[in-house]
Amino acid sequence: MTPLRLVFMGTPDFAVPSLRALADAGHEVVCVYSQPPRPAGRGQQVQKSPVNRFAEERGIPVRTPKSLRNAEAQAEFAELKADAAVVAAYGLILPQPILDAPRLGCLNVHGSLLPRWRGAAPIQRSILAGDAETGITIMQMDIGLDTGAMLLKDAVPITAETTASSLHDALAEMGARLIVEALDGLAAGRLTAEPQPEAGVTYAAKLTREDGRLDWSKGAPYIDKQVRALTPWPGCWFDVPIANRVERIKVLAAEVEDIPHGRPTGTLLDDYLTIACEDHFGAIRLLIVQRPGKAPVSGADFLRGLHGALPVGTRLGDAACSAGN
């Protein structure tokens, strides 16, 4: 392996294993770029990003520009004279002068099997769509949105137990391994970038809180995927009237109950918080839920804590809940 002079550009936890792997492999990481510190957590204290904190622990200089579009930022980047830049969930668009500055270009650690799931939320979208697998693509970046030529790929299965958190961690470690392999192969001339095929392109749109709204009419299998894909962010939820006010209840875990029930969609079927889903067949059991300002509890404990305010037979709807049979 030939040690390379690298710039690393990343922000969240997903990027940390790649930075660690590059440093541990003996490459010279001359500078890290990350998003500026921002308020986070309940106290909204200003915090540095996970990549920023890790880089400082390793004694690597960190820059946190708000933009790379100005000439001064681009000149500072070029002065680093990097062999390559590695980008992993950085969060800023790289203009052409940045892409052109490193000798070997800018390589991206992308959390999908491109060209499927270009864009902001590939991990969550792959679970939501019911994909059988996803993976990591190491891509030579160009000016487009995840359109660059591919250097390396590897896949991981998506099972009925896969969550966004477990898939995130698996892909972060896979990306760390692949980026080291890709840089070695590129520097030695063993790897040639392959253009992405035109067929099979999909886009992983940015997630919003509204994506987490549970709609019982979409069916238990979809709701199960929704909870696995969108926990912890943006989170899944439904609204229910309790004590003359509407509360937004978070759903942290659920499972499909494949049972016939003959009840209208949205009906509470039992004391374990099992909800009837589409077409009088199938239901979703909400295993762990959380009221505003409260600790997470089981679905059964949630109902017990309401002291009969949400009896079996209640129908949970978008606007209101009504008791009935």
C-alpha atoms as a PDB file:
ATOM      1  CA  MET A   1       0.000   0.000   0.000  1.00  0.00           C
ATOM      2  CA  THR A   2       1.223   3.452  -0.923  1.00  0.00           C
ATOM      3  CA  PRO A   3       0.328   6.012   1.762  1.00  0.00           C
ATOM      4  CA  LEU A   4      -1.741   8.818   0.278  1.00  0.00           C
ATOM      5  CA  ARG A   5      -2.233  12.417   1.261  1.00  0.00           C
ATOM      6  CA  LEU A   6      -5.965  12.649   1.956  1.00  0.00           C
ATOM      7  CA  VAL A   7      -8.675  15.123   2.816  1.00  0.00           C
ATOM      8  CA  PHE A   8     -11.690  13.598   4.578  1.00  0.00           C
ATOM      9  CA  MET A   9     -15.128  15.203   4.314  1.00  0.00           C
ATOM     10  CA  GLY A  10     -17.911  13.853   6.542  1.00  0.00           C
ATOM     11  CA  THR A  11     -20.227  14.774   9.384  1.00  0.00           C
ATOM     12  CA  PRO A  12     -22.349  12.083  11.160  1.00  0.00           C
ATOM     13  CA  ASP A  13     -21.594   8.797  12.934  1.00  0.00           C
ATOM     14  CA  PHE A  14     -21.858   6.954   9.600  1.00  0.00           C
ATOM     15  CA  ALA A  15     -18.629   8.576   8.408  1.00  0.00           C
ATOM     16  CA  VAL A  16     -16.479   7.930  11.493  1.00  0.00           C
ATOM     17  CA  PRO A  17     -15.521   4.291  10.708  1.00  0.00           C
ATOM     18  CA  SER A  18     -14.236   5.358   7.268  1.00  0.00           C
ATOM     19  CA  LEU A  19     -12.090   8.120   8.756  1.00  0.00           C
ATOM     20  CA  ARG A  20     -10.778   5.742  11.405  1.00  0.00           C
ATOM     21  CA  ALA A  21      -9.955   3.059   8.812  1.00  0.00           C
ATOM     22  CA  LEU A  22      -8.058   5.486   6.579  1.00  0.00           C
ATOM     23  CA  ALA A  23      -6.001   6.805   9.475  1.00  0.00           C
ATOM     24  CA  ASP A  24      -5.310   3.312  10.796  1.00  0.00           C
ATOM     25  CA  ALA A  25      -4.260   2.136   7.318  1.00  0.00           C
ATOM     26  CA  GLY A  26      -1.390   4.600   7.389  1.00  0.00           C
ATOM     27  CA  HIS A  27      -2.715   7.272   5.062  1.00  0.00           C
ATOM     28  CA  GLU A  28      -1.910  10.891   5.899  1.00  0.00           C
ATOM     29  CA  VAL A  29      -5.220  12.633   6.580  1.00  0.00           C
ATOM     30  CA  VAL A  30      -4.044  16.229   6.314  1.00  0.00           C
ATOM     31  CA  CYS A  31      -7.408  17.844   6.999  1.00  0.00           C
ATOM     32  CA  VAL A  32     -11.003  16.981   7.855  1.00  0.00           C
ATOM     33  CA  TYR A  33     -13.983  18.962   6.606  1.00  0.00           C
ATOM     34  CA  SER A  34     -17.244  18.702   8.544  1.00  0.00           C
ATOM     35  CA  GLN A  35     -20.505  20.577   9.027  1.00  0.00           C
ATOM     36  CA  PRO A  36     -20.300  23.521  11.476  1.00  0.00           C
ATOM     37  CA  PRO A  37     -21.253  22.882  15.130  1.00  0.00           C
ATOM     38  CA  ARG A  38     -25.013  23.099  15.668  1.00  0.00           C
ATOM     39  CA  PRO A  39     -27.504  23.002  18.559  1.00  0.00           C
ATOM     40  CA  ALA A  40     -28.519  19.423  19.388  1.00  0.00           C
ATOM     41  CA  GLY A  41     -30.284  17.410  22.063  1.00  0.00           C
ATOM     42  CA  ARG A  42     -32.892  18.499  24.575  1.00  0.00           C
ATOM     43  CA  GLY A  43     -30.812  21.366  25.855  1.00  0.00           C
ATOM     44  CA  GLN A  44     -29.995  22.545  22.322  1.00  0.00           C
ATOM     45  CA  GLN A  45     -26.350  22.938  23.289  1.00  0.00           C
ATOM     46  CA  VAL A  46     -24.054  23.694  20.354  1.00  0.00           C
ATOM     47  CA  GLN A  47     -22.160  20.491  19.553  1.00  0.00           C
ATOM     48  CA  LYS A  48     -19.433  19.507  17.139  1.00  0.00           C
ATOM     49  CA  SER A  49     -20.213  16.700  14.709  1.00  0.00           C
ATOM     50  CA  PRO A  50     -19.092  13.114  15.434  1.00  0.00           C
ATOM     51  CA  VAL A  51     -16.483  13.368  12.656  1.00  0.00           C
ATOM     52  CA  ASN A  52     -15.222  16.673  14.031  1.00  0.00           C
ATOM     53  CA  ARG A  53     -14.822  15.205  17.513  1.00  0.00           C
ATOM     54  CA  PHE A  54     -13.045  12.082  16.256  1.00  0.00           C
ATOM     55  CA  ALA A  55     -10.646  14.114  14.125  1.00  0.00           C
ATOM     56  CA  GLU A  56      -9.726  16.307  17.071  1.00  0.00           C
ATOM     57  CA  GLU A  57      -9.085  13.205  19.192  1.00  0.00           C
ATOM     58  CA  ARG A  58      -6.629  12.035  16.510  1.00  0.00           C
ATOM     59  CA  GLY A  59      -5.007  15.467  16.231  1.00  0.00           C
ATOM     60  CA  ILE A  60      -6.228  16.060  12.671  1.00  0.00           C
ATOM     61  CA  PRO A  61      -6.957  19.684  11.698  1.00  0.00           C
ATOM     62  CA  VAL A  62     -10.672  20.374  11.122  1.00  0.00           C
ATOM     63  CA  ARG A  63     -12.390  22.942   8.936  1.00  0.00           C
ATOM     64  CA  THR A  64     -16.125  23.669   9.137  1.00  0.00           C
ATOM     65  CA  PRO A  65     -17.042  26.062   6.298  1.00  0.00           C
ATOM     66  CA  LYS A  66     -20.693  26.833   5.692  1.00  0.00           C
ATOM     67  CA  SER A  67     -20.110  26.668   1.947  1.00  0.00           C
ATOM     68  CA  LEU A  68     -17.454  25.628  -0.560  1.00  0.00           C
ATOM     69  CA  ARG A  69     -18.795  27.791  -3.374  1.00  0.00           C
ATOM     70  CA  ASN A  70     -16.575  30.834  -2.762  1.00  0.00           C
ATOM     71  CA  ALA A  71     -13.133  31.271  -4.293  1.00  0.00           C
ATOM     72  CA  GLU A  72     -11.376  31.595  -0.942  1.00  0.00           C
ATOM     73  CA  ALA A  73     -12.662  28.229   0.339  1.00  0.00           C
ATOM     74  CA  GLN A  74     -11.741  26.584  -2.958  1.00  0.00           C
ATOM     75  CA  ALA A  75      -8.231  28.019  -2.871  1.00  0.00           C
ATOM     76  CA  GLU A  76      -7.709  26.815   0.708  1.00  0.00           C
ATOM     77  CA  PHE A  77      -8.822  23.332  -0.325  1.00  0.00           C
ATOM     78  CA  ALA A  78      -6.506  23.265  -3.356  1.00  0.00           C
ATOM     79  CA  GLU A  79      -3.555  24.353  -1.200  1.00  0.00           C
ATOM     80  CA  LEU A  80      -3.823  21.076   0.724  1.00  0.00           C
ATOM     81  CA  LYS A  81      -2.474  19.336  -2.412  1.00  0.00           C
ATOM     82  CA  ALA A  82      -4.337  16.128  -1.606  1.00  0.00           C
ATOM     83  CA  ASP A  83      -3.911  12.935  -3.600  1.00  0.00           C
ATOM     84  CA  ALA A  84      -7.614  12.258  -3.013  1.00  0.00           C
ATOM     85  CA  ALA A  85     -10.589  13.441  -1.017  1.00  0.00           C
ATOM     86  CA  VAL A  86     -12.904  10.941   0.652  1.00  0.00           C
ATOM     87  CA  VAL A  87     -16.506  12.054   1.153  1.00  0.00           C
ATOM     88  CA  ALA A  88     -18.953  10.244   3.466  1.00  0.00           C
ATOM     89  CA  ALA A  89     -22.273  11.895   4.345  1.00  0.00           C
ATOM     90  CA  TYR A  90     -20.679  15.336   4.380  1.00  0.00           C
ATOM     91  CA  GLY A  91     -23.788  17.400   3.698  1.00  0.00           C
ATOM     92  CA  LEU A  92     -22.387  20.114   1.423  1.00  0.00           C
ATOM     93  CA  ILE A  93     -22.403  20.176  -2.371  1.00  0.00           C
ATOM     94  CA  LEU A  94     -18.911  20.023  -3.851  1.00  0.00           C
ATOM     95  CA  PRO A  95     -18.489  22.484  -6.741  1.00  0.00           C
ATOM     96  CA  GLN A  96     -16.351  21.553  -9.730  1.00  0.00           C
ATOM     97  CA  PRO A  97     -13.152  23.293  -8.513  1.00  0.00           C
ATOM     98  CA  ILE A  98     -13.257  21.143  -5.348  1.00  0.00           C
ATOM     99  CA  LEU A  99     -13.891  17.963  -7.346  1.00  0.00           C
ATOM    100  CA  ASP A 100     -10.984  18.763  -9.655  1.00  0.00           C
ATOM    101  CA  ALA A 101      -8.405  19.683  -6.991  1.00  0.00           C
ATOM    102  CA  PRO A 102      -7.174  16.261  -5.729  1.00  0.00           C
ATOM    103  CA  ARG A 103      -4.903  14.296  -8.038  1.00  0.00           C
ATOM    104  CA  LEU A 104      -7.107  11.168  -7.880  1.00  0.00           C
ATOM    105  CA  GLY A 105     -10.365  13.055  -7.510  1.00  0.00           C
ATOM    106  CA  CYS A 106     -13.052  12.833  -4.837  1.00  0.00           C
ATOM    107  CA  LEU A 107     -14.363   9.419  -3.764  1.00  0.00           C
ATOM    108  CA  ASN A 108     -17.761   9.011  -2.118  1.00  0.00           C
ATOM    109  CA  VAL A 109     -18.833   6.299   0.337  1.00  0.00           C
ATOM    110  CA  HIS A 110     -22.503   5.924  -0.624  1.00  0.00           C
ATOM    111  CA  GLY A 111     -24.984   3.771   1.324  1.00  0.00           C
ATOM    112  CA  SER A 112     -26.721   1.955  -1.524  1.00  0.00           C
ATOM    113  CA  LEU A 113     -26.090  -0.186  -4.583  1.00  0.00           C
ATOM    114  CA  LEU A 114     -26.043   2.563  -7.177  1.00  0.00           C
ATOM    115  CA  PRO A 115     -27.827   3.560  -9.331  1.00  0.00           C
ATOM    116  CA  ARG A 116     -30.591   2.528  -6.910  1.00  0.00           C
ATOM    117  CA  TRP A 117     -31.260   5.084  -4.186  1.00  0.00           C
ATOM    118  CA  ARG A 118     -29.276   8.099  -5.212  1.00  0.00           C
ATOM    119  CA  GLY A 119     -29.855  10.940  -2.777  1.00  0.00           C
ATOM    120  CA  ALA A 120     -30.239  11.787   0.881  1.00  0.00           C
ATOM    121  CA  ALA A 121     -31.846   8.792   2.632  1.00  0.00           C
ATOM    122  CA  PRO A 122     -30.785   5.542   0.917  1.00  0.00           C
ATOM    123  CA  ILE A 123     -30.714   3.400   4.064  1.00  0.00           C
ATOM    124  CA  GLN A 124     -34.266   4.203   5.126  1.00  0.00           C
ATOM    125  CA  ARG A 125     -35.708   4.111   1.617  1.00  0.00           C
ATOM    126  CA  SER A 126     -34.291   0.653   0.926  1.00  0.00           C
ATOM    127  CA  ILE A 127     -36.106  -0.770   3.977  1.00  0.00           C
ATOM    128  CA  LEU A 128     -39.332   1.099   3.213  1.00  0.00           C
ATOM    129  CA  ALA A 129     -39.341  -0.241  -0.340  1.00  0.00           C
ATOM    130  CA  GLY A 130     -38.929  -3.829   0.832  1.00  0.00           C
ATOM    131  CA  ASP A 131     -35.621  -4.308  -1.004  1.00  0.00           C
ATOM    132  CA  ALA A 132     -34.008  -7.707  -0.554  1.00  0.00           C
ATOM    133  CA  GLU A 133     -30.553  -6.183  -0.293  1.00  0.00           C
ATOM    134  CA  THR A 134     -28.605  -2.963  -0.284  1.00  0.00           C
ATOM    135  CA  GLY A 135     -24.955  -2.135   0.203  1.00  0.00           C
ATOM    136  CA  ILE A 136     -22.123   0.311  -0.315  1.00  0.00           C
ATOM    137  CA  THR A 137     -20.883   1.848  -3.541  1.00  0.00           C
ATOM    138  CA  ILE A 138     -17.538   3.632  -3.693  1.00  0.00           C
ATOM    139  CA  MET A 139     -18.042   6.234  -6.383  1.00  0.00           C
ATOM    140  CA  GLN A 140     -15.804   8.670  -8.236  1.00  0.00           C
ATOM    141  CA  MET A 141     -17.713  11.888  -7.694  1.00  0.00           C
ATOM    142  CA  ASP A 142     -18.878  14.204 -10.462  1.00  0.00           C
ATOM    143  CA  ILE A 143     -21.067  17.289 -10.410  1.00  0.00           C
ATOM    144  CA  GLY A 144     -24.340  15.286 -10.486  1.00  0.00           C
ATOM    145  CA  LEU A 145     -26.365  13.858  -7.584  1.00  0.00           C
ATOM    146  CA  ASP A 146     -24.664  10.498  -6.930  1.00  0.00           C
ATOM    147  CA  THR A 147     -24.173   9.997 -10.667  1.00  0.00           C
ATOM    148  CA  GLY A 148     -20.423   9.327 -10.718  1.00  0.00           C
ATOM    149  CA  ALA A 149     -18.671   6.227 -12.006  1.00  0.00           C
ATOM    150  CA  MET A 150     -18.376   3.262  -9.619  1.00  0.00           C
ATOM    151  CA  LEU A 151     -15.146   1.789  -8.274  1.00  0.00           C
ATOM    152  CA  LEU A 152     -16.291  -0.886  -5.794  1.00  0.00           C
ATOM    153  CA  LYS A 153     -19.537  -2.389  -4.485  1.00  0.00           C
ATOM    154  CA  ASP A 154     -20.569  -4.841  -1.813  1.00  0.00           C
ATOM    155  CA  ALA A 155     -24.018  -5.972  -0.692  1.00  0.00           C
ATOM    156  CA  VAL A 156     -25.785  -6.865   2.557  1.00  0.00           C
ATOM    157  CA  PRO A 157     -29.215  -8.561   2.840  1.00  0.00           C
ATOM    158  CA  ILE A 158     -32.251  -6.771   4.248  1.00  0.00           C
ATOM    159  CA  THR A 159     -34.280  -9.153   6.407  1.00  0.00           C
ATOM    160  CA  ALA A 160     -37.553  -8.895   8.328  1.00  0.00           C
ATOM    161  CA  GLU A 161     -35.489  -7.922  11.392  1.00  0.00           C
ATOM    162  CA  THR A 162     -33.366  -5.239   9.714  1.00  0.00           C
ATOM    163  CA  THR A 163     -33.743  -1.768  11.198  1.00  0.00           C
ATOM    164  CA  ALA A 164     -32.346   1.549  10.059  1.00  0.00           C
ATOM    165  CA  SER A 165     -29.966   1.500  13.037  1.00  0.00           C
ATOM    166  CA  SER A 166     -28.623  -2.003  12.390  1.00  0.00           C
ATOM    167  CA  LEU A 167     -28.280  -1.359   8.655  1.00  0.00           C
ATOM    168  CA  HIS A 168     -26.598   1.986   9.279  1.00  0.00           C
ATOM    169  CA  ASP A 169     -23.945   0.335  11.458  1.00  0.00           C
ATOM    170  CA  ALA A 170     -23.363  -2.551   9.030  1.00  0.00           C
ATOM    171  CA  LEU A 171     -22.980  -0.211   6.066  1.00  0.00           C
ATOM    172  CA  ALA A 172     -20.718   2.177   7.966  1.00  0.00           C
ATOM    173  CA  GLU A 173     -18.280  -0.670   8.676  1.00  0.00           C
ATOM    174  CA  MET A 174     -18.581  -1.998   5.126  1.00  0.00           C
ATOM    175  CA  GLY A 175     -17.865   1.459   3.744  1.00  0.00           C
ATOM    176  CA  ALA A 176     -14.758   1.744   5.904  1.00  0.00           C
ATOM    177  CA  ARG A 177     -13.406  -1.499   4.496  1.00  0.00           C
ATOM    178  CA  LEU A 178     -14.254  -0.684   0.887  1.00  0.00           C
ATOM    179  CA  ILE A 179     -12.842   2.842   0.859  1.00  0.00           C
ATOM    180  CA  VAL A 180      -9.434   1.551   1.957  1.00  0.00           C
ATOM    181  CA  GLU A 181      -9.573  -1.117  -0.786  1.00  0.00           C
ATOM    182  CA  ALA A 182     -10.704   1.406  -3.385  1.00  0.00           C
ATOM    183  CA  LEU A 183      -7.926   3.888  -2.634  1.00  0.00           C
ATOM    184  CA  ASP A 184      -5.305   1.158  -2.739  1.00  0.00           C
ATOM    185  CA  GLY A 185      -6.619  -0.132  -6.072  1.00  0.00           C
ATOM    186  CA  LEU A 186      -6.963   3.314  -7.591  1.00  0.00           C
ATOM    187  CA  ALA A 187      -3.477   4.431  -6.552  1.00  0.00           C
ATOM    188  CA  ALA A 188      -1.957   1.202  -7.915  1.00  0.00           C
ATOM    189  CA  GLY A 189      -3.858   1.406 -11.193  1.00  0.00           C
ATOM    190  CA  ARG A 190      -5.771  -1.829 -10.518  1.00  0.00           C
ATOM    191  CA  LEU A 191      -9.234  -0.221 -10.421  1.00  0.00           C
ATOM    192  CA  THR A 192     -11.080   1.399 -13.287  1.00  0.00           C
ATOM    193  CA  ALA A 193     -14.245   3.352 -12.622  1.00  0.00           C
ATOM    194  CA  GLU A 194     -17.345   1.925 -14.315  1.00  0.00           C
ATOM    195  CA  PRO A 195     -20.151   4.276 -15.404  1.00  0.00           C
ATOM    196  CA  GLN A 196     -23.497   3.719 -13.705  1.00  0.00           C
ATOM    197  CA  PRO A 197     -26.140   2.031 -15.853  1.00  0.00           C
ATOM    198  CA  GLU A 198     -29.066   4.169 -16.964  1.00  0.00           C
ATOM    199  CA  ALA A 199     -31.574   1.485 -15.992  1.00  0.00           C
ATOM    200  CA  GLY A 200     -32.635   1.107 -12.373  1.00  0.00           C
ATOM    201  CA  VAL A 201     -32.148   4.676 -11.192  1.00  0.00           C
ATOM    202  CA  THR A 202     -34.208   5.606  -8.113  1.00  0.00           C
ATOM    203  CA  TYR A 203     -34.008   8.583  -5.778  1.00  0.00           C
ATOM    204  CA  ALA A 204     -33.992   8.490  -1.978  1.00  0.00           C
ATOM    205  CA  ALA A 205     -35.832  11.682  -1.109  1.00  0.00           C
ATOM    206  CA  LYS A 206     -34.963  13.501   2.097  1.00  0.00           C
ATOM    207  CA  LEU A 207     -37.056  12.356   5.062  1.00  0.00           C
ATOM    208  CA  THR A 208     -39.514  14.590   6.906  1.00  0.00           C
ATOM    209  CA  ARG A 209     -41.488  14.099  10.118  1.00  0.00           C
ATOM    210  CA  GLU A 210     -44.618  13.550   8.037  1.00  0.00           C
ATOM    211  CA  ASP A 211     -43.050  10.378   6.591  1.00  0.00           C
ATOM    212  CA  GLY A 212     -43.453   8.887  10.073  1.00  0.00           C
ATOM    213  CA  ARG A 213     -47.252   9.282  10.243  1.00  0.00           C
ATOM    214  CA  LEU A 214     -48.835   5.818  10.576  1.00  0.00           C
ATOM    215  CA  ASP A 215     -51.766   5.124   8.271  1.00  0.00           C
ATOM    216  CA  TRP A 216     -53.499   1.879   9.263  1.00  0.00           C
ATOM    217  CA  SER A 217     -54.994   1.549   5.766  1.00  0.00           C
ATOM    218  CA  LYS A 218     -51.533   0.965   4.280  1.00  0.00           C
ATOM    219  CA  GLY A 219     -51.426  -2.466   5.871  1.00  0.00           C
ATOM    220  CA  ALA A 220     -49.437  -4.150   8.597  1.00  0.00           C
ATOM    221  CA  PRO A 221     -46.442  -5.214   6.446  1.00  0.00           C
ATOM    222  CA  TYR A 222     -45.852  -1.646   5.289  1.00  0.00           C
ATOM    223  CA  ILE A 223     -46.256  -0.198   8.791  1.00  0.00           C
ATOM    224  CA  ASP A 224     -43.751  -2.756  10.088  1.00  0.00           C
ATOM    225  CA  LYS A 225     -41.226  -1.608   7.453  1.00  0.00           C
ATOM    226  CA  GLN A 226     -42.052   2.009   8.262  1.00  0.00           C
ATOM    227  CA  VAL A 227     -41.237   1.562  11.959  1.00  0.00           C
ATOM    228  CA  ARG A 228     -38.020  -0.340  11.211  1.00  0.00           C
ATOM    229  CA  ALA A 229     -36.919   2.219   8.614  1.00  0.00           C
ATOM    230  CA  LEU A 230     -37.820   5.474  10.349  1.00  0.00           C
ATOM    231  CA  THR A 231     -36.714   4.811  13.940  1.00  0.00           C
ATOM    232  CA  PRO A 232     -35.035   6.834  15.404  1.00  0.00           C
ATOM    233  CA  TRP A 233     -35.359   9.504  12.680  1.00  0.00           C
ATOM    234  CA  PRO A 234     -37.785  10.957  11.793  1.00  0.00           C
ATOM    235  CA  GLY A 235     -39.735   8.594  14.048  1.00  0.00           C
ATOM    236  CA  CYS A 236     -43.140   6.972  13.601  1.00  0.00           C
ATOM    237  CA  TRP A 237     -46.261   8.276  15.302  1.00  0.00           C
ATOM    238  CA  PHE A 238     -50.027   8.471  15.459  1.00  0.00           C
ATOM    239  CA  ASP A 239     -52.354  10.957  17.118  1.00  0.00           C
ATOM    240  CA  VAL A 240     -54.944   9.924  19.714  1.00  0.00           C
ATOM    241  CA  PRO A 241     -57.333  11.974  21.890  1.00  0.00           C
ATOM    242  CA  ILE A 242     -56.587  11.443  25.598  1.00  0.00           C
ATOM    243  CA  ALA A 243     -58.264  13.452  28.376  1.00  0.00           C
ATOM    244  CA  ASN A 244     -59.718  16.066  26.016  1.00  0.00           C
ATOM    245  CA  ARG A 245     -56.454  16.668  24.206  1.00  0.00           C
ATOM    246  CA  VAL A 246     -54.727  15.073  21.242  1.00  0.00           C
ATOM    247  CA  GLU A 247     -51.431  13.375  22.044  1.00  0.00           C
ATOM    248  CA  ARG A 248     -48.821  12.356  19.489  1.00  0.00           C
ATOM    249  CA  ILE A 249     -47.695   8.825  20.379  1.00  0.00           C
ATOM    250  CA  LYS A 250     -44.307   7.658  19.119  1.00  0.00           C
ATOM    251  CA  VAL A 251     -44.000   4.047  17.984  1.00  0.00           C
ATOM    252  CA  LEU A 252     -40.532   2.602  18.586  1.00  0.00           C
ATOM    253  CA  ALA A 253     -41.136  -1.071  17.753  1.00  0.00           C
ATOM    254  CA  ALA A 254     -43.922  -3.102  16.159  1.00  0.00           C
ATOM    255  CA  GLU A 255     -44.656  -6.521  14.682  1.00  0.00           C
ATOM    256  CA  VAL A 256     -47.136  -7.925  12.187  1.00  0.00           C
ATOM    257  CA  GLU A 257     -50.002 -10.026  13.557  1.00  0.00           C
ATOM    258  CA  ASP A 258     -51.251 -11.994  10.551  1.00  0.00           C
ATOM    259  CA  ILE A 259     -54.745 -12.660  11.870  1.00  0.00           C
ATOM    260  CA  PRO A 260     -58.270 -12.224  10.472  1.00  0.00           C
ATOM    261  CA  HIS A 261     -60.292  -9.825  12.586  1.00  0.00           C
ATOM    262  CA  GLY A 262     -63.330  -8.596  10.672  1.00  0.00           C
ATOM    263  CA  ARG A 263     -63.062  -5.128  12.186  1.00  0.00           C
ATOM    264  CA  PRO A 264     -62.777  -1.715  10.510  1.00  0.00           C
ATOM    265  CA  THR A 265     -59.321  -0.385   9.767  1.00  0.00           C
ATOM    266  CA  GLY A 266     -57.798   1.328  12.801  1.00  0.00           C
ATOM    267  CA  THR A 267     -59.767  -0.599  15.441  1.00  0.00           C
ATOM    268  CA  LEU A 268     -58.007  -1.405  18.721  1.00  0.00           C
ATOM    269  CA  LEU A 269     -58.314  -5.194  18.892  1.00  0.00           C
ATOM    270  CA  ASP A 270     -56.939  -6.102  22.325  1.00  0.00           C
ATOM    271  CA  ASP A 271     -55.207  -4.951  25.496  1.00  0.00           C
ATOM    272  CA  TYR A 272     -51.760  -5.330  23.876  1.00  0.00           C
ATOM    273  CA  LEU A 273     -52.208  -2.382  21.477  1.00  0.00           C
ATOM    274  CA  THR A 274     -52.908  -4.445  18.375  1.00  0.00           C
ATOM    275  CA  ILE A 275     -54.473  -2.339  15.601  1.00  0.00           C
ATOM    276  CA  ALA A 276     -56.634  -3.652  12.765  1.00  0.00           C
ATOM    277  CA  CYS A 277     -55.248  -2.919   9.334  1.00  0.00           C
ATOM    278  CA  GLU A 278     -56.604  -3.011   5.793  1.00  0.00           C
ATOM    279  CA  ASP A 279     -59.385  -5.211   4.412  1.00  0.00           C
ATOM    280  CA  HIS A 280     -60.428  -6.823   7.721  1.00  0.00           C
ATOM    281  CA  PHE A 281     -57.302  -8.991   7.678  1.00  0.00           C
ATOM    282  CA  GLY A 282     -53.960  -8.530   9.357  1.00  0.00           C
ATOM    283  CA  ALA A 283     -53.005  -6.252  12.194  1.00  0.00           C
ATOM    284  CA  ILE A 284     -50.015  -4.449  13.630  1.00  0.00           C
ATOM    285  CA  ARG A 285     -49.033  -4.843  17.281  1.00  0.00           C
ATOM    286  CA  LEU A 286     -47.298  -1.775  18.696  1.00  0.00           C
ATOM    287  CA  LEU A 287     -44.656  -3.280  20.979  1.00  0.00           C
ATOM    288  CA  ILE A 288     -42.997  -0.137  22.353  1.00  0.00           C
ATOM    289  CA  VAL A 289     -44.587   3.314  22.389  1.00  0.00           C
ATOM    290  CA  GLN A 290     -43.886   6.644  24.037  1.00  0.00           C
ATOM    291  CA  ARG A 291     -46.152   9.452  25.194  1.00  0.00           C
ATOM    292  CA  PRO A 292     -44.864  13.046  25.085  1.00  0.00           C
ATOM    293  CA  GLY A 293     -42.465  13.647  27.959  1.00  0.00           C
ATOM    294  CA  LYS A 294     -42.695  10.033  29.155  1.00  0.00           C
ATOM    295  CA  ALA A 295     -40.391   7.028  29.024  1.00  0.00           C
ATOM    296  CA  PRO A 296     -40.953   4.313  26.401  1.00  0.00           C
ATOM    297  CA  VAL A 297     -43.250   1.487  27.547  1.00  0.00           C
ATOM    298  CA  SER A 298     -44.820  -1.646  26.123  1.00  0.00           C
ATOM    299  CA  GLY A 299     -48.101  -1.299  24.279  1.00  0.00           C
ATOM    300  CA  ALA A 300     -49.899  -3.139  27.083  1.00  0.00           C
ATOM    301  CA  ASP A 301     -48.430  -0.842  29.759  1.00  0.00           C
ATOM    302  CA  PHE A 302     -49.388   2.186  27.677  1.00  0.00           C
ATOM    303  CA  LEU A 303     -53.034   1.112  27.626  1.00  0.00           C
ATOM    304  CA  ARG A 304     -53.022   0.252  31.331  1.00  0.00           C
ATOM    305  CA  GLY A 305     -51.645   3.694  32.089  1.00  0.00           C
ATOM    306  CA  LEU A 306     -54.636   5.298  30.368  1.00  0.00           C
ATOM    307  CA  HIS A 307     -57.024   3.700  32.899  1.00  0.00           C
ATOM    308  CA  GLY A 308     -59.649   2.766  30.344  1.00  0.00           C
ATOM    309  CA  ALA A 309     -59.484   5.948  28.273  1.00  0.00           C
ATOM    310  CA  LEU A 310     -58.716   3.856  25.176  1.00  0.00           C
ATOM    311  CA  PRO A 311     -60.895   0.709  25.406  1.00  0.00           C
ATOM    312  CA  VAL A 312     -60.830  -2.277  23.066  1.00  0.00           C
ATOM    313  CA  GLY A 313     -63.064  -1.451  20.112  1.00  0.00           C
ATOM    314  CA  THR A 314     -61.888   2.163  19.856  1.00  0.00           C
ATOM    315  CA  ARG A 315     -61.206   3.126  16.282  1.00  0.00           C
ATOM    316  CA  LEU A 316     -58.041   5.141  15.742  1.00  0.00           C
ATOM    317  CA  GLY A 317     -58.441   7.558  12.865  1.00  0.00           C
ATOM    318  CA  ASP A 318     -56.735  10.618  11.422  1.00  0.00           C
ATOM    319  CA  ALA A 319     -59.062  13.178  12.945  1.00  0.00           C
ATOM    320  CA  ALA A 320     -60.584  11.532  16.007  1.00  0.00           C
ATOM    321  CA  CYS A 321     -61.134   8.268  17.832  1.00  0.00           C
ATOM    322  CA  SER A 322     -64.543   6.785  18.405  1.00  0.00           C
ATOM    323  CA  ALA A 323     -65.606   3.802  20.481  1.00  0.00           C
ATOM    324  CA  GLY A 324     -67.714   1.297  18.634  1.00  0.00           C
ATOM    325  CA  ASN A 325     -68.141  -2.212  17.356  1.00  0.00           C
END
